[in-house]
């Protein structure tokens, strides 16, 4: 049965940091990795000892020291293999496994040390490795306790030899040096590990800051109307925003690489070494490409030139509208004066003579010009057209009579025909449309004979 327990990081959340839980790592994962590599060292050490003792395996008996060496060595090897499973499961908690393994190794080293006439005191150097590992994984207080324990066992080994009468003067002087070296190595390793951990913390913070900046840049890029993408030297897309994908999506394959004619055009432009951009047409839309060389690729900016031209055209039309509005205001003042003068010239006698007819023409066309100016002003200030119900035959008769007064009717034959129809239309706008068509006919038509014939036909389209 496999037990499922929380990881060490969740295990100590909400608990006070005690002496035995004082793990000196920035993350649980880092501590587990340190313990994993240390366990590889333990397993390798036991395998080496077994290999060195293999020639003596035939002489093993319960009475000799070889048996006392091989049994704990095999035991440590088995425990190391089991430890790999526990490390993978992350159970027991990190601090429990760490303390258990370090104490077990100190016990193992001590058993090797007291195996007389085999390894003698040369195994004391292994205390340095274990104590140094505690300095990497634990805080300074914990590693100091383990170092003191190792120093006590080293001195106890000399004491046991002294009691047995087997101590050598050389070993007596080497022991203090070994203990001083042990504390020095642990202090140096702990210092280096602390500095490395500080650097790692700063690097992790910088990486998180860069990740945040990358997310911010991505959000900003997605909001841009222009297309922006970054490609490597083989035109593989590293980063692209939505606008660029909408513009050149037909030239992007499943592997996120630019292909087709666009890839050829970009490769030719890069190979030419020109600093300016180039234009490329995609589906009746013209795009402008600007490439900025980088150390490992190209930063490409794409603009929809067709959309820009539309915006320029709209801006021009808006300027023309404002100018037409200003001109209309200027024309209206003298037009009002002409209309008022024509009204004053009208004789009191209502009988129509030639002068009265000319005055009526002036008034009619002054009113027509005023309506045109009013329509222009309304177009500069967009509003709903004033639609009215119009019977086209009667309306065209009035239009033809009015239009003939503005042209040399001797050279133009203007007629209308077709079935009558009733429509909803702004009469002023309709008059402008028909007037423009007739004036264009007079200006650009080239009849074969002497006269020009213009016929206005009322009809109904197939869709009604």
Protein backbone atom coordinates (compact mmCIF):
# COMPACT_ATOMS: atom_id res chain seq x y z
CA UNK A 1 0.00 0.00 0.00
CA UNK A 2 1.38 3.40 -1.01
CA UNK A 3 0.81 6.17 1.48
CA UNK A 4 -0.05 9.60 0.12
CA UNK A 5 1.10 12.48 2.29
CA UNK A 6 1.71 16.17 1.66
CA UNK A 7 5.14 17.34 0.61
CA UNK A 8 7.42 18.87 3.15
CA UNK A 9 6.61 22.40 1.98
CA UNK A 10 2.94 21.89 2.84
CA UNK A 11 3.84 19.87 5.93
CA UNK A 12 5.44 22.74 7.81
CA UNK A 13 3.08 25.50 6.65
CA UNK A 14 1.56 27.09 9.70
CA UNK A 15 4.07 25.44 12.06
CA UNK A 16 6.87 27.23 13.84
CA UNK A 17 10.35 26.56 12.47
CA UNK A 18 11.99 24.18 14.92
CA UNK A 19 15.61 23.11 15.22
CA UNK A 20 15.09 19.80 13.45
CA UNK A 21 13.01 21.29 10.62
CA UNK A 22 15.49 24.10 9.91
CA UNK A 23 16.12 23.23 6.24
CA UNK A 24 18.29 25.91 4.62
CA UNK A 25 16.94 25.81 1.04
CA UNK A 26 14.78 28.23 -0.93
CA UNK A 27 12.38 25.53 -2.10
CA UNK A 28 11.41 21.96 -1.32
CA UNK A 29 12.49 20.86 -4.78
CA UNK A 30 16.02 22.12 -4.21
CA UNK A 31 16.26 20.17 -0.93
CA UNK A 32 15.02 16.99 -2.56
CA UNK A 33 17.63 17.36 -5.32
CA UNK A 34 20.45 17.78 -2.78
CA UNK A 35 19.30 14.67 -0.96
CA UNK A 36 19.06 12.78 -4.26
CA UNK A 37 22.66 13.54 -5.26
CA UNK A 38 23.90 12.74 -1.76
CA UNK A 39 22.18 9.37 -1.96
CA UNK A 40 23.99 8.70 -5.24
CA UNK A 41 27.27 9.34 -3.37
CA UNK A 42 26.27 6.90 -0.60
CA UNK A 43 25.35 4.19 -3.08
CA UNK A 44 28.58 4.70 -5.04
CA UNK A 45 30.62 4.53 -1.83
CA UNK A 46 29.06 1.24 -0.77
CA UNK A 47 29.57 -0.25 -4.23
CA UNK A 48 33.26 0.79 -4.09
CA UNK A 49 33.71 -0.82 -0.66
CA UNK A 50 32.07 -4.03 -1.84
CA UNK A 51 34.34 -4.08 -4.89
CA UNK A 52 37.45 -3.61 -2.72
CA UNK A 53 36.36 -6.37 -0.34
CA UNK A 54 35.35 -8.85 -3.08
CA UNK A 55 38.72 -10.75 -3.03
CA UNK A 56 38.18 -11.51 0.65
CA UNK A 57 34.64 -12.79 0.33
CA UNK A 58 35.86 -16.43 0.38
CA UNK A 59 37.36 -15.94 3.85
CA UNK A 60 34.18 -14.56 5.44
CA UNK A 61 33.23 -16.08 8.76
CA UNK A 62 31.35 -14.90 11.82
CA UNK A 63 34.62 -14.64 13.69
CA UNK A 64 36.56 -12.27 11.43
CA UNK A 65 36.27 -8.55 10.78
CA UNK A 66 35.41 -8.94 7.09
CA UNK A 67 31.95 -10.11 8.09
CA UNK A 68 31.54 -7.04 10.31
CA UNK A 69 32.43 -4.83 7.33
CA UNK A 70 30.35 -6.43 4.59
CA UNK A 71 27.09 -6.73 6.51
CA UNK A 72 26.66 -2.99 7.24
CA UNK A 73 27.94 -2.13 3.75
CA UNK A 74 25.32 -4.32 2.10
CA UNK A 75 22.72 -2.89 4.47
CA UNK A 76 23.62 0.67 3.54
CA UNK A 77 23.44 -0.22 -0.18
CA UNK A 78 19.94 -1.68 0.25
CA UNK A 79 18.81 1.36 2.25
CA UNK A 80 20.19 3.65 -0.49
CA UNK A 81 18.08 1.87 -3.11
CA UNK A 82 14.98 2.14 -0.92
CA UNK A 83 15.78 5.81 -0.36
CA UNK A 84 15.51 6.48 -4.11
CA UNK A 85 11.92 5.23 -3.96
CA UNK A 86 11.14 7.42 -0.96
CA UNK A 87 12.70 10.43 -2.66
CA UNK A 88 10.50 9.85 -5.70
CA UNK A 89 7.39 9.59 -3.52
CA UNK A 90 8.45 12.61 -1.44
CA UNK A 91 7.65 10.67 1.72
CA UNK A 92 8.60 10.72 4.58
CA UNK A 93 9.03 14.51 4.78
CA UNK A 94 12.31 16.04 3.69
CA UNK A 95 13.73 16.83 7.13
CA UNK A 96 12.89 13.32 8.40
CA UNK A 97 14.71 11.57 5.55
CA UNK A 98 17.66 13.97 5.74
CA UNK A 99 18.26 13.44 9.46
CA UNK A 100 17.78 9.68 9.13
CA UNK A 101 20.28 9.37 6.27
CA UNK A 102 22.96 11.58 7.85
CA UNK A 103 22.74 9.80 11.22
CA UNK A 104 22.81 6.43 9.49
CA UNK A 105 25.94 7.43 7.54
CA UNK A 106 27.71 8.62 10.68
CA UNK A 107 26.89 5.28 12.31
CA UNK A 108 28.15 3.44 9.22
CA UNK A 109 31.41 5.42 9.11
CA UNK A 110 31.90 4.76 12.82
CA UNK A 111 31.46 1.00 12.26
CA UNK A 112 34.05 1.12 9.48
CA UNK A 113 36.41 3.06 11.75
CA UNK A 114 36.17 0.51 14.55
CA UNK A 115 36.76 -2.42 12.15
CA UNK A 116 40.34 -2.87 13.30
CA UNK A 117 43.04 -4.07 10.94
CA UNK A 118 40.87 -3.36 7.92
CA UNK A 119 40.37 0.32 7.09
CA UNK A 120 41.78 1.62 10.37
CA UNK A 121 41.42 5.39 10.84
CA UNK A 122 41.44 6.29 7.13
CA UNK A 123 37.63 6.27 7.13
CA UNK A 124 37.62 9.31 9.39
CA UNK A 125 37.89 11.44 6.25
CA UNK A 126 34.36 10.31 5.30
CA UNK A 127 33.06 12.33 8.25
CA UNK A 128 34.08 15.43 6.29
CA UNK A 129 31.79 14.53 3.37
CA UNK A 130 28.78 13.88 5.60
CA UNK A 131 29.31 17.01 7.70
CA UNK A 132 29.75 19.09 4.53
CA UNK A 133 26.47 17.72 3.16
CA UNK A 134 24.68 18.85 6.33
CA UNK A 135 26.16 22.34 5.82
CA UNK A 136 24.64 22.45 2.32
CA UNK A 137 21.19 21.21 3.29
CA UNK A 138 20.71 22.44 6.86
CA UNK A 139 21.24 25.76 8.58
CA UNK A 140 24.48 26.60 10.38
CA UNK A 141 23.14 25.50 13.77
CA UNK A 142 22.17 22.02 12.55
CA UNK A 143 25.42 21.48 10.62
CA UNK A 144 27.39 22.56 13.73
CA UNK A 145 25.66 19.88 15.81
CA UNK A 146 26.52 17.21 13.21
CA UNK A 147 30.14 18.44 13.05
CA UNK A 148 30.42 18.27 16.84
CA UNK A 149 29.08 14.72 16.76
CA UNK A 150 31.66 13.73 14.15
CA UNK A 151 34.46 15.40 16.15
CA UNK A 152 33.38 13.53 19.30
CA UNK A 153 33.49 10.19 17.46
CA UNK A 154 36.95 10.98 16.08
CA UNK A 155 38.27 11.72 19.57
CA UNK A 156 36.46 8.67 20.93
CA UNK A 157 38.29 6.51 18.37
CA UNK A 158 41.62 7.73 19.78
CA UNK A 159 40.36 7.13 23.31
CA UNK A 160 39.44 3.55 22.44
CA UNK A 161 42.89 2.98 20.97
CA UNK A 162 44.44 4.51 24.06
CA UNK A 163 42.49 2.14 26.29
CA UNK A 164 43.55 -0.80 24.09
CA UNK A 165 47.16 0.38 24.15
CA UNK A 166 47.35 0.51 20.34
CA UNK A 167 47.49 4.26 19.85
CA UNK A 168 50.32 5.65 17.74
CA UNK A 169 51.87 9.01 18.53
CA UNK A 170 51.47 10.05 14.89
CA UNK A 171 47.70 9.49 15.08
CA UNK A 172 47.54 11.37 18.35
CA UNK A 173 48.84 14.54 16.66
CA UNK A 174 46.83 14.04 13.47
CA UNK A 175 43.48 13.86 15.25
CA UNK A 176 43.31 17.54 16.32
CA UNK A 177 44.39 18.57 12.82
CA UNK A 178 41.65 16.39 11.35
CA UNK A 179 39.04 17.95 13.64
CA UNK A 180 40.22 21.50 12.80
CA UNK A 181 40.10 20.60 9.11
CA UNK A 182 36.60 19.18 9.58
CA UNK A 183 35.26 22.39 11.11
CA UNK A 184 37.06 24.50 8.49
CA UNK A 185 35.66 22.55 5.55
CA UNK A 186 32.14 22.63 6.97
CA UNK A 187 32.39 26.39 7.55
CA UNK A 188 33.72 27.02 4.03
CA UNK A 189 31.14 24.75 2.38
CA UNK A 190 28.33 26.35 4.36
CA UNK A 191 29.54 29.81 3.35
CA UNK A 192 29.80 28.89 -0.32
CA UNK A 193 26.40 27.20 -0.25
CA UNK A 194 24.88 30.30 1.34
CA UNK A 195 26.34 32.57 -1.31
CA UNK A 196 25.26 30.25 -4.10
CA UNK A 197 21.79 30.15 -2.61
CA UNK A 198 21.67 33.97 -2.47
CA UNK A 199 22.73 34.21 -6.11
CA UNK A 200 20.15 31.61 -7.03
CA UNK A 201 17.47 33.59 -5.20
CA UNK A 202 18.39 36.78 -7.08
CA UNK A 203 18.40 34.91 -10.39
CA UNK A 204 14.98 33.41 -9.61
CA UNK A 205 13.61 36.88 -8.78
CA UNK A 206 15.03 38.27 -12.02
CA UNK A 207 13.53 35.39 -13.98
CA UNK A 208 10.13 36.06 -12.44
CA UNK A 209 10.47 39.76 -13.27
CA UNK A 210 11.38 38.88 -16.87
CA UNK A 211 8.40 36.55 -17.08
CA UNK A 212 6.13 39.35 -15.86
CA UNK A 213 7.62 41.74 -18.42
CA UNK A 214 7.14 39.13 -21.13
CA UNK A 215 3.47 38.76 -20.22
CA UNK A 216 3.04 42.56 -20.18
CA UNK A 217 4.71 42.86 -23.59
CA UNK A 218 2.51 40.11 -24.96
CA UNK A 219 -0.64 41.89 -23.77
CA UNK A 220 0.57 45.16 -25.31
CA UNK A 221 1.43 43.46 -28.60
CA UNK A 222 -2.03 41.89 -28.77
CA UNK A 223 -3.63 45.35 -28.46
CA UNK A 224 -1.67 46.83 -31.40
CA UNK A 225 -3.41 47.31 -34.74
CA UNK A 226 -0.15 46.84 -36.61
CA UNK A 227 1.29 43.36 -37.01
CA UNK A 228 4.43 42.53 -35.03
CA UNK A 229 6.32 39.24 -35.12
CA UNK A 230 9.79 37.91 -34.36
CA UNK A 231 11.34 35.26 -36.61
CA UNK A 232 14.67 33.50 -36.45
CA UNK A 233 17.13 33.35 -39.33
CA UNK A 234 15.21 30.42 -40.86
CA UNK A 235 11.90 32.36 -40.70
CA UNK A 236 10.54 30.23 -37.87
CA UNK A 237 8.08 32.32 -35.86
CA UNK A 238 9.17 32.83 -32.25
CA UNK A 239 6.47 35.34 -31.30
CA UNK A 240 3.53 36.88 -33.16
CA UNK A 241 0.52 39.00 -32.25
CA UNK A 242 -3.06 38.59 -33.40
CA UNK A 243 -2.95 41.40 -35.98
CA UNK A 244 0.07 39.89 -37.76
CA UNK A 245 -1.56 36.44 -37.80
CA UNK A 246 -4.72 37.91 -39.35
CA UNK A 247 -2.64 39.67 -42.02
CA UNK A 248 -0.26 36.88 -43.10
CA UNK A 249 -2.01 33.78 -41.75
CA UNK A 250 -2.24 32.21 -45.24
CA UNK A 251 1.59 32.05 -45.36
CA UNK A 252 2.04 30.38 -41.92
CA UNK A 253 2.19 26.58 -41.87
CA UNK A 254 1.44 24.19 -39.02
CA UNK A 255 5.05 24.36 -37.83
CA UNK A 256 4.72 28.13 -37.26
CA UNK A 257 7.03 28.97 -40.15
CA UNK A 258 6.59 31.56 -42.90
CA UNK A 259 6.32 29.89 -46.30
CA UNK A 260 5.44 30.60 -49.91
CA UNK A 261 5.98 33.82 -51.80
CA UNK A 262 6.15 35.87 -48.60
CA UNK A 263 9.07 33.77 -47.29
CA UNK A 264 10.86 34.25 -50.61
CA UNK A 265 10.27 38.00 -50.53
CA UNK A 266 11.53 38.29 -46.95
CA UNK A 267 14.61 36.14 -47.70
CA UNK A 268 15.44 38.28 -50.74
CA UNK A 269 15.03 41.48 -48.74
CA UNK A 270 17.24 40.18 -45.92
CA UNK A 271 19.85 39.00 -48.40
CA UNK A 272 19.93 42.36 -50.19
CA UNK A 273 20.93 44.12 -46.96
CA UNK A 274 18.62 47.07 -47.63
CA UNK A 275 17.55 49.00 -44.58
CA UNK A 276 14.16 50.12 -45.91
CA UNK A 277 11.09 47.90 -46.04
CA UNK A 278 9.15 46.39 -48.91
CA UNK A 279 5.53 46.07 -50.00
CA UNK A 280 3.71 42.78 -50.51
CA UNK A 281 0.16 42.16 -51.72
CA UNK A 282 -2.00 39.52 -50.06
CA UNK A 283 -5.57 38.89 -51.27
CA UNK A 284 -5.98 42.31 -52.90
CA UNK A 285 -4.58 44.06 -49.86
CA UNK A 286 -1.20 45.76 -49.88
CA UNK A 287 0.98 45.43 -46.78
CA UNK A 288 4.18 47.23 -45.86
CA UNK A 289 6.92 45.15 -44.19
CA UNK A 290 9.68 46.73 -42.09
CA UNK A 291 12.46 44.40 -40.87
CA UNK A 292 14.77 45.20 -37.97
CA UNK A 293 17.82 42.86 -37.79
CA UNK A 294 18.52 41.37 -34.34
CA UNK A 295 21.30 39.13 -33.07
CA UNK A 296 19.38 35.90 -33.72
CA UNK A 297 16.58 36.86 -36.07
CA UNK A 298 14.41 39.63 -37.43
CA UNK A 299 11.77 41.84 -35.83
CA UNK A 300 9.08 42.37 -38.46
CA UNK A 301 6.49 45.16 -38.42
CA UNK A 302 3.51 44.88 -40.80
CA UNK A 303 1.21 47.74 -41.77
CA UNK A 304 -1.97 47.48 -43.82
CA UNK A 305 -1.27 50.06 -46.52
CA UNK A 306 -4.77 49.55 -47.98
CA UNK A 307 -6.35 50.56 -44.69
CA UNK A 308 -3.99 53.52 -44.42
CA UNK A 309 -5.00 54.66 -47.93
CA UNK A 310 -8.66 54.39 -46.93
CA UNK A 311 -8.02 56.51 -43.87
CA UNK A 312 -6.18 59.09 -45.98
CA UNK A 313 -9.07 59.12 -48.47
CA UNK A 314 -11.58 59.56 -45.66
CA UNK A 315 -9.50 62.38 -44.27
CA UNK A 316 -9.44 64.04 -47.68
CA UNK A 317 -13.20 63.66 -48.06
CA UNK A 318 -13.70 65.13 -44.60
CA UNK A 319 -11.50 68.10 -45.56
CA UNK A 320 -13.44 68.56 -48.80
CA UNK A 321 -16.68 68.44 -46.84
CA UNK A 322 -15.48 71.14 -44.46
CA UNK A 323 -14.33 73.26 -47.39
CA UNK A 324 -17.65 72.77 -49.21
CA UNK A 325 -19.49 73.78 -46.05
CA UNK A 326 -17.42 76.96 -45.80
CA UNK A 327 -17.96 77.79 -49.49
CA UNK A 328 -21.68 77.16 -49.16
CA UNK A 329 -21.89 79.66 -46.35
CA UNK A 330 -20.06 82.22 -48.49
CA UNK A 331 -22.32 81.62 -51.52
CA UNK A 332 -25.51 81.88 -49.53
CA UNK A 333 -25.06 85.58 -48.69
CA UNK A 334 -24.92 86.89 -52.32
CA UNK A 335 -27.59 84.35 -53.30
CA UNK A 336 -29.98 85.79 -50.72
CA UNK A 337 -29.26 89.24 -52.12
CA UNK A 338 -30.07 88.07 -55.67
CA UNK A 339 -33.29 86.41 -54.54
CA UNK A 340 -34.34 89.50 -52.60
CA UNK A 341 -33.56 91.77 -55.57
CA UNK A 342 -35.62 89.54 -57.87
CA UNK A 343 -38.52 89.78 -55.47
CA UNK A 344 -38.26 93.59 -55.48
CA UNK A 345 -38.11 93.70 -59.30
CA UNK A 346 -41.35 91.74 -59.64
CA UNK A 347 -44.05 94.15 -60.94
CA UNK A 348 -47.20 94.69 -58.99
CA UNK A 349 -49.30 93.67 -61.99
CA UNK A 350 -49.65 89.90 -61.95
CA UNK A 351 -49.94 89.78 -65.74
CA UNK A 352 -47.01 87.72 -67.09
CA UNK A 353 -44.81 89.63 -69.47
CA UNK A 354 -41.28 88.83 -70.60
CA UNK A 355 -39.63 90.61 -67.64
CA UNK A 356 -41.83 88.84 -65.15
CA UNK A 357 -40.93 85.49 -66.70
CA UNK A 358 -37.18 86.23 -66.45
CA UNK A 359 -37.60 87.36 -62.84
CA UNK A 360 -39.45 84.14 -62.08
CA UNK A 361 -36.59 82.12 -63.60
CA UNK A 362 -34.11 83.99 -61.36
CA UNK A 363 -36.21 83.28 -58.29
CA UNK A 364 -36.74 79.62 -59.20
CA UNK A 365 -33.06 78.89 -59.74
CA UNK A 366 -32.04 80.96 -56.73
CA UNK A 367 -34.33 78.76 -54.67
CA UNK A 368 -32.83 75.68 -56.33
CA UNK A 369 -29.28 76.82 -55.54
CA UNK A 370 -30.35 77.52 -51.96
CA UNK A 371 -31.70 73.98 -51.67
CA UNK A 372 -28.42 72.58 -53.04
CA UNK A 373 -26.45 74.61 -50.51
CA UNK A 374 -28.74 73.39 -47.76
CA UNK A 375 -28.16 69.79 -48.89
CA UNK A 376 -24.37 70.30 -48.90
CA UNK A 377 -24.52 71.71 -45.39
CA UNK A 378 -26.60 68.76 -44.24
CA UNK A 379 -24.08 66.34 -45.74
CA UNK A 380 -21.26 68.07 -43.87
CA UNK A 381 -23.41 67.53 -40.78
CA UNK A 382 -24.74 64.02 -41.45
CA UNK A 383 -28.41 63.55 -40.75
CA UNK A 384 -31.38 61.60 -42.04
CA UNK A 385 -32.60 62.49 -45.56
CA UNK A 386 -36.00 64.14 -45.78
CA UNK A 387 -37.78 61.42 -47.71
CA UNK A 388 -41.12 62.21 -49.34
CA UNK A 389 -43.56 60.31 -51.51
CA UNK A 390 -42.88 61.24 -55.14
CA UNK A 391 -44.82 60.34 -58.29
CA UNK A 392 -42.01 60.09 -60.78
CA UNK A 393 -43.83 61.09 -64.02
CA UNK A 394 -45.13 64.34 -62.56
CA UNK A 395 -41.83 65.01 -60.78
CA UNK A 396 -39.79 64.41 -63.98
CA UNK A 397 -42.03 66.79 -65.97
CA UNK A 398 -41.26 69.59 -63.49
CA UNK A 399 -37.57 68.64 -63.49
CA UNK A 400 -37.31 68.71 -67.31
CA UNK A 401 -38.95 72.15 -67.49
CA UNK A 402 -36.59 73.48 -64.81
CA UNK A 403 -33.47 71.89 -66.31
CA UNK A 404 -34.17 73.25 -69.81
CA UNK A 405 -33.99 76.75 -68.42
CA UNK A 406 -30.34 76.18 -67.40
CA UNK A 407 -29.07 74.87 -70.78
CA UNK A 408 -29.20 75.70 -74.45
CA UNK A 409 -32.34 73.71 -75.15
CA UNK A 410 -31.89 74.07 -78.89
CA UNK A 411 -29.08 71.51 -79.00
CA UNK A 412 -30.47 69.07 -76.40
CA UNK A 413 -33.63 67.01 -76.68
CA UNK A 414 -34.61 65.97 -73.13
CA UNK A 415 -37.52 63.54 -72.80
CA UNK A 416 -38.98 61.12 -70.25
CA UNK A 417 -41.06 57.95 -70.54
CA UNK A 418 -42.06 54.68 -68.92
CA UNK A 419 -44.72 53.65 -66.45
CA UNK A 420 -45.48 55.88 -63.52
CA UNK A 421 -44.14 54.81 -60.13
CA UNK A 422 -44.32 56.14 -56.59
CA UNK A 423 -41.10 56.20 -54.55
CA UNK A 424 -39.87 57.47 -51.19
CA UNK A 425 -36.89 59.77 -51.79
CA UNK A 426 -35.45 63.08 -50.76
CA UNK A 427 -36.54 65.35 -53.69
CA UNK A 428 -33.50 67.64 -53.33
CA UNK A 429 -31.06 64.74 -53.43
CA UNK A 430 -32.89 63.11 -56.35
CA UNK A 431 -32.77 66.39 -58.26
CA UNK A 432 -29.03 66.59 -57.66
CA UNK A 433 -28.50 63.02 -58.89
CA UNK A 434 -30.52 63.47 -62.09
CA UNK A 435 -29.00 66.91 -62.74
CA UNK A 436 -25.46 65.52 -62.47
CA UNK A 437 -26.29 62.66 -64.85
CA UNK A 438 -27.79 65.02 -67.43
CA UNK A 439 -24.93 67.51 -67.15
CA UNK A 440 -22.40 64.70 -67.59
CA UNK A 441 -24.30 63.53 -70.66
CA UNK A 442 -24.12 67.00 -72.19
CA UNK A 443 -20.45 67.38 -71.29
CA UNK A 444 -19.08 64.00 -72.35
CA UNK A 445 -21.53 62.51 -74.89
CA UNK A 446 -20.48 62.76 -78.53
CA UNK A 447 -23.57 62.34 -80.71
CA UNK A 448 -23.14 61.56 -84.42
CA UNK A 449 -25.68 64.14 -85.52
CA UNK A 450 -26.11 67.77 -84.59
CA UNK A 451 -28.39 67.34 -81.58
CA UNK A 452 -28.03 65.44 -78.32
CA UNK A 453 -30.92 63.29 -77.14
CA UNK A 454 -31.28 62.54 -73.43
CA UNK A 455 -34.09 60.17 -72.43
CA UNK A 456 -35.10 59.47 -68.83
CA UNK A 457 -36.88 56.11 -68.56
CA UNK A 458 -38.93 55.07 -65.52
CA UNK A 459 -38.73 51.32 -64.95
CA UNK A 460 -38.85 48.61 -62.31
CA UNK A 461 -35.90 46.35 -61.53
CA UNK A 462 -36.26 42.58 -61.33
CA UNK A 463 -36.13 42.71 -57.52
CA UNK A 464 -38.92 45.32 -57.38
